[in-house]
Amino acid sequence: MRSGVYLITAALTMGVVGSVAAQGPPTLRLTLEDALSKAVETSHRIAEARARESAAQAGVAVRESAERPTVTASAGYTRTNHVLPFSVPSPVGIPLLVYPDVPNNYTTRLEMRWPIYTGGRTDALERAARAEAEAMGAERQAAQADLRLEVTRAYWALVTAKASLDVLEQGVARSQAHVNDANQRFTAGLVPPNEVSSAAAQEARARLMAIEARTQRDVTSAELARLIGVAPDQPLEPSGELARTTTASPGQLGPLVESARTTRQERRALERRVAAADAQGDSAAAGRLPTIQFLGGVDYARPNAKIFPRADVAQESWDVGVGATWSLWDGGRTDAEVAQARALSQAASERLAEFDSQLGVEVRQRALELESAVAAIEAATSGVTAAADARRVVDERYRAGVIAGIEVLDSEYALLQAQLDLTRAQATVRLAEARLTRALGR
C-alpha cells in the first residue's frame, strides 16, 4: 500500500515537472527603455569598446609617468680570473697594496633618473594619448547609439509583426466565417459551387499570410532576444504601441545639421584623431632638440671600483650629475617621422571633411523620411476608413442577395490590406524617428 502511494506521488510530481517544462520560460514584458538598457548591459560590442577606452586611458597614464623620476635597483656578481697583486712602497716601509687579487666581485646600485628637458616630446606624446583616449570614448558612445538604433529597429519590428499577425488572424476568422456562410447558402441552393471554392481559396490565402506573419514574429523576437542578452526562445511581449497621437515636426534643416555637428560622437572622434596626429607630429619634431636629465645613484660594492685603492671590502659611494643627449644626425629618421605624422593628420582631416559633407545629406534624408512616413499614416488611415465602409456596404448588399460572394471576398481582402498598410506606416514612423534621432546624435 505504501509503495503504491509512493508511485502515485512520483507520477504526480513527474506530471507537474513535465507540464512546467512544456510551458517553457515565462513571457518577458518589455518597454523600449527596458530593451535599450538590457542591450547596453549585455552587449559584447559595448564591452569591447569600454575595454579599448580603458586601454587608451591607461596609455595616458603611461605617457604621464614619463615626466616623473624613475628609481631602479640593480645587483650583480662577477667572477674574474686571478691576477698578481700590485703594491707600491710606502714611506713607513710597509708595501701599499694598490690592486689586490679579488676574483669575487659583488655590486649593488640604487639609481635615480629624472628627465628635466625633452624638447616638448613628452608633453606632445601625452597630448596625443589624451586625444586618442577621448576618441575611443567618443567611439564607445557612437557604438551605443548604433546599438540603440538596432534595438529600436528590432523592437518596433516585433511590435509590427505582432500587430500584423493580429490583423491577419482576424482576417482568417472572417474568411472562415464567410466559408461557413457560403457552405450554408450552397446547401440551401442559393449560390453556385464556385462561391464556396472562392471563399475557401480566400480563407487558405489568409491562413498562408498568417503563417508567414507568425514566422516573421518569431524571427524578429529571436533577433531582439539576442540584442538584449536573453535566450532566443525566450517569449517576448513588447508593451509599446505603434499608434501615436502626435508626431513632432523635424524642424528647420539648418539648425538640425548644426546640432548634429555638435552632438555626433563620430565627428568628435575624428576631431580628436586629428588632434592626436598633430601631437604626434610635434613629438616627432622634438627629436631634433636635445634632452637633459638629472642622474644620481648610490653604490655598495665589494670591491668598490670608485674607491682607490681597490680593497676586498664592501664600501659605499654615491654620484650626482646632469646628462645631455643631442642627436646630431639620425639618417633622416626624424624627418620621416614628421612627414608620417603630417600625412596621418591630413588623412584624418580629409575624413572629417568627408563626414561633414555627408552629414547634411543624411540629416535631410532622415527628416524627409519622417515627414513622408507621417503623411503616409494619414493616407493609410483614410484607406482603412474607406475600405471598412466599402466592406460594410458590400456585406449589406450580399445579405440582400444583390451581389455575388466574390465581391465580399474582394472587399475583405481590401480591408485586410488597408489595415496592414496602416500598421506598416505606423512602424515606418517609429523607425524614421529612431533614424533621425541617430543622425542627430541624440
Protein backbone atom coordinates (compact mmCIF):
# COMPACT_ATOMS: atom_id res chain seq x y z
CA MET A 1 0.00 0.00 0.00
CA ARG A 2 2.76 2.37 0.94
CA SER A 3 4.65 1.59 -2.29
CA GLY A 4 1.52 2.39 -4.27
CA VAL A 5 1.28 5.79 -2.58
CA TYR A 6 4.93 6.44 -3.50
CA LEU A 7 4.25 5.55 -7.13
CA ILE A 8 1.24 7.85 -7.30
CA THR A 9 3.20 10.68 -5.66
CA ALA A 10 6.11 10.20 -8.08
CA ALA A 11 3.77 10.15 -11.07
CA LEU A 12 2.11 13.37 -9.94
CA THR A 13 5.47 15.01 -9.37
CA MET A 14 6.73 14.00 -12.81
CA GLY A 15 3.50 15.25 -14.33
CA VAL A 16 3.87 18.64 -12.69
CA VAL A 17 7.52 18.92 -13.73
CA GLY A 18 6.66 17.86 -17.26
CA SER A 19 3.87 20.42 -17.51
CA VAL A 20 6.18 23.18 -16.24
CA ALA A 21 8.87 22.15 -18.73
CA ALA A 22 6.32 22.08 -21.51
CA GLN A 23 5.16 25.58 -20.64
CA GLY A 24 8.69 26.95 -21.14
CA PRO A 25 10.07 30.17 -19.68
CA PRO A 26 7.60 32.89 -18.69
CA THR A 27 6.89 35.70 -21.11
CA LEU A 28 9.12 38.74 -20.64
CA ARG A 29 7.27 42.02 -21.00
CA LEU A 30 9.42 44.81 -22.34
CA THR A 31 9.18 48.51 -22.89
CA LEU A 32 11.55 50.10 -25.36
CA GLU A 33 13.53 51.64 -22.49
CA ASP A 34 13.88 48.22 -20.85
CA ALA A 35 15.17 46.70 -24.07
CA LEU A 36 17.68 49.52 -24.55
CA SER A 37 19.06 49.25 -21.02
CA LYS A 38 19.35 45.46 -21.20
CA ALA A 39 21.12 45.68 -24.55
CA VAL A 40 23.71 48.15 -23.25
CA GLU A 41 24.34 45.98 -20.19
CA THR A 42 24.84 42.73 -22.12
CA SER A 43 26.33 43.89 -25.44
CA HIS A 44 29.74 42.43 -26.26
CA ARG A 45 30.41 45.27 -28.67
CA ILE A 46 29.95 47.85 -25.92
CA ALA A 47 32.10 45.79 -23.57
CA GLU A 48 34.84 45.71 -26.20
CA ALA A 49 34.56 49.48 -26.71
CA ARG A 50 34.81 50.03 -22.94
CA ALA A 51 37.92 47.84 -22.80
CA ARG A 52 39.53 49.80 -25.65
CA GLU A 53 38.70 53.05 -23.89
CA SER A 54 40.25 51.74 -20.66
CA ALA A 55 43.38 50.75 -22.58
CA ALA A 56 43.62 54.23 -24.09
CA GLN A 57 43.22 55.83 -20.66
CA ALA A 58 45.99 53.56 -19.36
CA GLY A 59 48.11 54.82 -22.25
CA VAL A 60 47.61 58.36 -20.95
CA ALA A 61 48.92 57.25 -17.56
CA VAL A 62 51.95 55.71 -19.28
CA ARG A 63 52.76 58.99 -21.05
CA GLU A 64 52.27 60.98 -17.85
CA SER A 65 54.71 58.73 -15.98
CA ALA A 66 57.46 59.65 -18.47
CA GLU A 67 57.75 63.08 -16.81
CA ARG A 68 58.36 61.63 -13.34
CA PRO A 69 61.66 60.38 -11.95
CA THR A 70 62.45 56.68 -12.08
CA VAL A 71 64.33 54.78 -9.40
CA THR A 72 65.98 51.46 -10.19
CA ALA A 73 67.91 48.97 -8.12
CA SER A 74 70.43 46.52 -9.51
CA ALA A 75 72.74 43.85 -8.13
CA GLY A 76 75.29 41.53 -9.62
CA TYR A 77 78.06 39.06 -9.05
CA THR A 78 81.11 38.61 -11.27
CA ARG A 79 83.84 36.02 -11.02
CA THR A 80 87.17 37.10 -12.51
CA ASN A 81 90.48 35.35 -13.04
CA HIS A 82 93.28 35.61 -10.53
CA VAL A 83 95.79 38.43 -11.05
CA LEU A 84 99.11 39.26 -9.44
CA PRO A 85 98.57 41.74 -6.60
CA PHE A 86 100.14 45.13 -7.29
CA SER A 87 101.67 47.17 -4.49
CA VAL A 88 103.95 50.18 -4.17
CA PRO A 89 106.45 51.12 -1.46
CA SER A 90 105.29 53.43 1.28
CA PRO A 91 107.20 55.91 3.47
CA VAL A 92 106.66 53.68 6.53
CA GLY A 93 108.30 50.74 4.84
CA ILE A 94 105.18 48.63 4.52
CA PRO A 95 104.14 47.99 0.88
CA LEU A 96 100.86 49.67 -0.07
CA LEU A 97 98.56 47.20 -1.83
CA VAL A 98 97.00 49.13 -4.73
CA TYR A 99 95.36 46.35 -6.77
CA PRO A 100 94.72 43.14 -4.83
CA ASP A 101 93.63 39.79 -6.28
CA VAL A 102 89.84 39.83 -5.78
CA PRO A 103 88.19 37.18 -8.01
CA ASN A 104 84.75 37.53 -6.36
CA ASN A 105 83.07 40.87 -7.22
CA TYR A 106 79.72 41.92 -5.69
CA THR A 107 77.94 45.08 -6.86
CA THR A 108 74.68 46.80 -5.87
CA ARG A 109 73.40 50.16 -7.09
CA LEU A 110 70.38 52.37 -6.41
CA GLU A 111 69.93 54.89 -9.23
CA MET A 112 67.51 57.74 -9.99
CA ARG A 113 66.89 59.36 -13.39
CA TRP A 114 64.72 62.43 -13.87
CA PRO A 115 64.13 63.97 -17.32
CA ILE A 116 64.42 67.75 -16.99
CA TYR A 117 64.03 68.82 -20.62
CA THR A 118 62.83 66.75 -23.60
CA GLY A 119 62.15 69.48 -26.16
CA GLY A 120 58.39 69.07 -25.71
CA ARG A 121 58.39 65.42 -26.80
CA THR A 122 56.90 64.11 -23.55
CA ASP A 123 54.15 66.75 -23.49
CA ALA A 124 53.27 66.08 -27.14
CA LEU A 125 53.02 62.32 -26.55
CA GLU A 126 50.80 62.96 -23.54
CA ARG A 127 48.51 65.20 -25.60
CA ALA A 128 48.34 62.55 -28.31
CA ALA A 129 47.43 59.87 -25.77
CA ARG A 130 44.71 62.05 -24.24
CA ALA A 131 43.26 62.81 -27.66
CA GLU A 132 43.26 59.10 -28.52
CA ALA A 133 41.53 58.26 -25.22
CA GLU A 134 38.86 60.88 -25.93
CA ALA A 135 38.43 59.46 -29.44
CA MET A 136 37.93 55.98 -28.02
CA GLY A 137 35.34 57.35 -25.58
CA ALA A 138 33.51 59.02 -28.47
CA GLU A 139 33.60 55.78 -30.46
CA ARG A 140 32.13 53.93 -27.47
CA GLN A 141 29.25 56.40 -27.34
CA ALA A 142 28.78 56.08 -31.10
CA ALA A 143 28.65 52.29 -30.71
CA GLN A 144 25.99 52.72 -28.03
CA ALA A 145 23.99 54.94 -30.39
CA ASP A 146 24.26 52.30 -33.13
CA LEU A 147 23.14 49.65 -30.67
CA ARG A 148 20.17 51.77 -29.58
CA LEU A 149 19.11 52.18 -33.21
CA GLU A 150 19.46 48.44 -33.84
CA VAL A 151 17.45 47.57 -30.72
CA THR A 152 14.81 50.16 -31.58
CA ARG A 153 14.50 48.74 -35.09
CA ALA A 154 14.17 45.18 -33.77
CA TYR A 155 11.72 46.25 -31.06
CA TRP A 156 9.34 48.02 -33.44
CA ALA A 157 9.77 45.24 -35.99
CA LEU A 158 8.50 42.81 -33.35
CA VAL A 159 5.60 45.12 -32.47
CA THR A 160 4.80 45.42 -36.18
CA ALA A 161 4.97 41.66 -36.69
CA LYS A 162 2.63 41.03 -33.74
CA ALA A 163 0.20 43.72 -34.90
CA SER A 164 0.25 42.33 -38.44
CA LEU A 165 -0.34 38.84 -37.09
CA ASP A 166 -3.34 40.08 -35.10
CA VAL A 167 -4.80 41.68 -38.21
CA LEU A 168 -4.22 38.56 -40.30
CA GLU A 169 -5.71 36.26 -37.66
CA GLN A 170 -8.82 38.45 -37.65
CA GLY A 171 -8.84 38.12 -41.41
CA VAL A 172 -8.61 34.34 -41.09
CA ALA A 173 -11.55 34.33 -38.69
CA ARG A 174 -13.64 36.46 -41.07
CA SER A 175 -12.67 34.23 -44.02
CA GLN A 176 -13.65 31.10 -42.11
CA ALA A 177 -16.97 32.66 -41.22
CA HIS A 178 -17.52 33.52 -44.87
CA VAL A 179 -16.69 29.94 -45.87
CA ASN A 180 -19.27 28.62 -43.42
CA ASP A 181 -21.84 31.09 -44.71
CA ALA A 182 -21.08 30.10 -48.33
CA ASN A 183 -21.48 26.42 -47.46
CA GLN A 184 -24.84 27.07 -45.86
CA ARG A 185 -26.01 29.08 -48.87
CA PHE A 186 -24.79 26.34 -51.22
CA THR A 187 -26.62 23.71 -49.20
CA ALA A 188 -29.76 25.82 -49.45
CA GLY A 189 -29.25 26.12 -53.20
CA LEU A 190 -28.78 29.88 -53.13
CA VAL A 191 -25.24 30.05 -54.61
CA PRO A 192 -23.29 28.02 -57.15
CA PRO A 193 -20.31 25.80 -56.14
CA ASN A 194 -17.74 28.34 -57.31
CA GLU A 195 -18.83 30.66 -54.50
CA VAL A 196 -17.74 28.05 -51.96
CA SER A 197 -14.47 27.43 -53.80
CA SER A 198 -13.68 31.15 -53.95
CA ALA A 199 -14.38 31.53 -50.24
CA ALA A 200 -12.18 28.52 -49.45
CA ALA A 201 -9.36 29.89 -51.61
CA GLN A 202 -9.57 33.26 -49.83
CA GLU A 203 -9.51 31.51 -46.45
CA ALA A 204 -6.44 29.47 -47.46
CA ARG A 205 -4.68 32.62 -48.63
CA ALA A 206 -5.44 34.35 -45.33
CA ARG A 207 -4.08 31.36 -43.39
CA LEU A 208 -0.89 31.40 -45.52
CA MET A 209 -0.35 35.09 -44.81
CA ALA A 210 -0.93 34.44 -41.10
CA ILE A 211 1.66 31.64 -41.12
CA GLU A 212 4.22 33.94 -42.77
CA ALA A 213 3.44 36.68 -40.25
CA ARG A 214 3.85 34.23 -37.35
CA THR A 215 7.24 33.17 -38.70
CA GLN A 216 8.27 36.80 -39.07
CA ARG A 217 7.21 37.45 -35.49
CA ASP A 218 9.32 34.56 -34.21
CA VAL A 219 12.35 35.65 -36.23
CA THR A 220 12.20 39.26 -35.02
CA SER A 221 11.62 38.05 -31.45
CA ALA A 222 14.78 35.93 -31.62
CA GLU A 223 16.75 38.89 -33.00
CA LEU A 224 15.57 41.18 -30.22
CA ALA A 225 16.32 38.46 -27.65
CA ARG A 226 19.89 38.27 -28.97
CA LEU A 227 20.32 42.03 -28.67
CA ILE A 228 19.10 42.20 -25.08
CA GLY A 229 21.11 39.16 -23.98
CA VAL A 230 18.41 36.53 -23.35
CA ALA A 231 17.83 33.11 -24.85
CA PRO A 232 16.50 33.09 -28.44
CA ASP A 233 13.47 31.02 -27.38
CA GLN A 234 12.55 33.47 -24.60
CA PRO A 235 8.97 34.67 -25.27
CA LEU A 236 8.91 38.46 -25.51
CA GLU A 237 5.90 40.71 -25.15
CA PRO A 238 6.65 44.30 -26.21
CA SER A 239 4.37 46.76 -24.45
CA GLY A 240 4.92 49.59 -26.92
CA GLU A 241 2.17 50.70 -29.26
CA LEU A 242 2.69 51.71 -32.84
CA ALA A 243 -0.11 54.27 -32.87
CA ARG A 244 0.89 57.76 -31.73
CA THR A 245 -1.43 60.72 -31.44
CA THR A 246 1.13 63.38 -32.29
CA THR A 247 4.50 63.30 -34.01
CA ALA A 248 6.89 66.21 -33.56
CA SER A 249 7.97 68.02 -36.70
CA PRO A 250 11.68 67.61 -37.54
CA GLY A 251 12.11 71.38 -37.72
CA GLN A 252 14.33 73.52 -39.92
CA LEU A 253 17.14 71.68 -41.68
CA GLY A 254 19.91 74.20 -40.93
CA PRO A 255 19.64 74.07 -37.12
CA LEU A 256 19.33 70.28 -37.27
CA VAL A 257 22.60 69.97 -39.18
CA GLU A 258 24.41 72.31 -36.80
CA SER A 259 23.05 70.35 -33.86
CA ALA A 260 24.29 67.13 -35.44
CA ARG A 261 27.77 68.62 -35.93
CA THR A 262 27.91 69.33 -32.21
CA THR A 263 26.45 66.09 -30.87
CA ARG A 264 27.56 63.36 -33.29
CA GLN A 265 30.18 61.30 -31.47
CA GLU A 266 31.69 60.04 -34.73
CA ARG A 267 32.63 63.62 -35.63
CA ARG A 268 34.10 64.21 -32.18
CA ALA A 269 36.19 61.06 -32.54
CA LEU A 270 37.52 62.28 -35.89
CA GLU A 271 38.36 65.68 -34.40
CA ARG A 272 40.31 64.04 -31.59
CA ARG A 273 42.12 61.82 -34.10
CA VAL A 274 43.25 64.94 -35.98
CA ALA A 275 44.49 66.44 -32.70
CA ALA A 276 46.31 63.19 -31.86
CA ALA A 277 48.03 63.15 -35.25
CA ASP A 278 49.13 66.79 -34.82
CA ALA A 279 50.52 65.98 -31.37
CA GLN A 280 52.40 63.02 -32.82
CA GLY A 281 53.92 65.39 -35.36
CA ASP A 282 55.06 67.74 -32.56
CA SER A 283 56.56 64.78 -30.73
CA ALA A 284 58.46 63.67 -33.83
CA ALA A 285 59.74 67.20 -34.45
CA ALA A 286 61.02 67.34 -30.86
CA GLY A 287 63.55 64.67 -31.85
CA ARG A 288 65.68 67.48 -33.34
CA LEU A 289 66.16 69.02 -29.87
CA PRO A 290 68.42 67.84 -27.04
CA THR A 291 67.22 66.06 -23.92
CA ILE A 292 68.55 66.75 -20.44
CA GLN A 293 68.12 64.55 -17.41
CA PHE A 294 69.21 64.51 -13.77
CA LEU A 295 71.20 61.47 -12.64
CA GLY A 296 72.04 60.21 -9.19
CA GLY A 297 72.93 56.94 -7.55
CA VAL A 298 74.36 55.06 -4.60
CA ASP A 299 76.77 52.11 -4.98
CA TYR A 300 77.56 49.48 -2.39
CA ALA A 301 80.09 47.05 -3.78
CA ARG A 302 82.88 44.68 -2.87
CA PRO A 303 85.29 45.84 -4.09
CA ASN A 304 84.05 49.35 -4.94
CA ALA A 305 85.66 50.39 -8.23
CA LYS A 306 85.08 54.08 -7.43
CA ILE A 307 87.30 54.00 -4.36
CA PHE A 308 91.09 53.91 -4.67
CA PRO A 309 92.97 51.93 -3.74
CA ARG A 310 91.00 48.81 -4.52
CA ALA A 311 90.21 46.65 -1.50
CA ASP A 312 88.39 43.38 -0.87
CA VAL A 313 85.84 45.01 1.44
CA ALA A 314 82.26 46.26 0.93
CA GLN A 315 82.28 50.06 0.56
CA GLU A 316 79.68 52.71 -0.24
CA SER A 317 79.88 55.57 -2.76
CA TRP A 318 77.47 57.98 -4.46
CA ASP A 319 77.29 60.20 -7.54
CA VAL A 320 75.08 63.06 -8.75
CA GLY A 321 75.11 64.68 -12.17
CA VAL A 322 73.30 66.12 -15.18
CA GLY A 323 73.43 64.49 -18.61
CA ALA A 324 72.51 65.85 -22.03
CA THR A 325 71.86 63.96 -25.25
CA TRP A 326 71.56 65.57 -28.69
CA SER A 327 71.10 63.59 -31.87
CA LEU A 328 73.15 65.46 -34.46
CA TRP A 329 72.38 63.11 -37.35
CA ASP A 330 69.95 60.20 -37.44
CA GLY A 331 69.92 59.33 -41.11
CA GLY A 332 66.67 61.23 -41.77
CA ARG A 333 64.61 59.29 -39.24
CA THR A 334 63.19 62.40 -37.54
CA ASP A 335 62.20 63.98 -40.86
CA ALA A 336 60.46 60.75 -41.90
CA GLU A 337 58.54 60.58 -38.61
CA VAL A 338 57.42 64.20 -39.01
CA ALA A 339 56.29 63.55 -42.59
CA GLN A 340 54.41 60.44 -41.48
CA ALA A 341 52.59 62.31 -38.71
CA ARG A 342 51.65 65.15 -41.07
CA ALA A 343 50.28 62.69 -43.61
CA LEU A 344 48.18 60.97 -40.92
CA SER A 345 46.89 64.36 -39.77
CA GLN A 346 45.92 65.29 -43.32
CA ALA A 347 44.18 61.93 -43.80
CA ALA A 348 42.19 62.43 -40.60
CA SER A 349 41.28 65.98 -41.64
CA GLU A 350 40.06 64.80 -45.03
CA ARG A 351 37.99 62.09 -43.38
CA LEU A 352 36.45 64.70 -41.09
CA ALA A 353 35.65 66.92 -44.10
CA GLU A 354 34.04 63.95 -45.86
CA PHE A 355 31.93 63.22 -42.77
CA ASP A 356 30.75 66.85 -42.69
CA SER A 357 29.79 66.69 -46.35
CA GLN A 358 27.70 63.57 -45.78
CA LEU A 359 26.15 64.72 -42.51
CA GLY A 360 23.90 67.35 -44.08
CA VAL A 361 22.62 64.88 -46.66
CA GLU A 362 21.97 62.24 -44.01
CA VAL A 363 20.04 64.61 -41.74
CA ARG A 364 17.97 65.89 -44.67
CA GLN A 365 17.22 62.35 -45.81
CA ARG A 366 16.10 61.24 -42.35
CA ALA A 367 13.95 64.34 -41.88
CA LEU A 368 12.25 63.78 -45.26
CA GLU A 369 11.69 60.12 -44.39
CA LEU A 370 9.92 61.14 -41.20
CA GLU A 371 7.73 63.70 -42.99
CA SER A 372 6.84 61.13 -45.64
CA ALA A 373 6.03 58.49 -43.02
CA VAL A 374 3.72 60.88 -41.13
CA ALA A 375 1.93 61.72 -44.36
CA ALA A 376 1.62 58.01 -45.16
CA ILE A 377 -0.20 57.41 -41.85
CA GLU A 378 -2.87 59.93 -42.82
CA ALA A 379 -3.30 58.26 -46.21
CA ALA A 380 -3.36 54.76 -44.68
CA THR A 381 -5.93 55.82 -42.07
CA SER A 382 -8.17 57.18 -44.81
CA GLY A 383 -7.69 53.93 -46.69
CA VAL A 384 -8.81 51.86 -43.70
CA THR A 385 -11.89 54.04 -43.22
CA ALA A 386 -12.83 53.78 -46.88
CA ALA A 387 -12.20 50.02 -47.01
CA ALA A 388 -14.31 49.47 -43.87
CA ASP A 389 -17.20 51.49 -45.33
CA ALA A 390 -16.94 49.62 -48.62
CA ARG A 391 -16.95 46.29 -46.82
CA ARG A 392 -19.99 47.28 -44.78
CA VAL A 393 -21.93 48.27 -47.93
CA VAL A 394 -20.86 45.15 -49.83
CA ASP A 395 -21.80 42.96 -46.87
CA GLU A 396 -25.27 44.52 -46.71
CA ARG A 397 -25.80 44.03 -50.43
CA TYR A 398 -24.56 40.44 -50.16
CA ARG A 399 -27.02 39.75 -47.36
CA ALA A 400 -29.75 41.18 -49.54
CA GLY A 401 -28.72 38.83 -52.36
CA VAL A 402 -27.88 41.64 -54.78
CA ILE A 403 -24.22 40.79 -55.39
CA ALA A 404 -22.11 37.63 -55.54
CA GLY A 405 -19.83 36.41 -52.79
CA ILE A 406 -16.69 37.16 -54.83
CA GLU A 407 -17.28 40.89 -54.25
CA VAL A 408 -17.42 40.26 -50.50
CA LEU A 409 -14.11 38.43 -50.71
CA ASP A 410 -12.58 41.33 -52.62
CA SER A 411 -13.80 43.83 -50.02
CA GLU A 412 -12.48 41.63 -47.20
CA TYR A 413 -9.06 41.47 -48.85
CA ALA A 414 -9.07 45.22 -49.50
CA LEU A 415 -9.83 45.94 -45.83
CA LEU A 416 -7.17 43.48 -44.72
CA GLN A 417 -4.59 45.10 -46.99
CA ALA A 418 -5.56 48.58 -45.79
CA GLN A 419 -5.13 47.54 -42.16
CA LEU A 420 -1.73 46.05 -42.92
CA ASP A 421 -0.73 49.22 -44.76
CA LEU A 422 -1.67 51.30 -41.71
CA THR A 423 0.34 49.03 -39.43
CA ARG A 424 3.39 49.28 -41.67
CA ALA A 425 3.00 53.06 -41.95
CA GLN A 426 2.90 53.39 -38.16
CA ALA A 427 6.01 51.23 -37.87
CA THR A 428 7.74 53.32 -40.53
CA VAL A 429 7.13 56.45 -38.45
CA ARG A 430 8.70 54.84 -35.40
CA LEU A 431 11.73 53.73 -37.38
CA ALA A 432 12.05 57.10 -39.11
CA GLU A 433 12.05 58.82 -35.72
CA ALA A 434 14.77 56.47 -34.49
CA ARG A 435 16.89 57.04 -37.59
CA LEU A 436 16.55 60.81 -37.33
CA THR A 437 17.50 60.68 -33.66
CA ARG A 438 20.57 58.64 -34.58
CA ALA A 439 21.52 61.04 -37.36
CA LEU A 440 21.30 63.96 -34.95
CA GLY A 441 23.41 62.14 -32.36
CA ARG A 442 20.83 62.49 -29.60
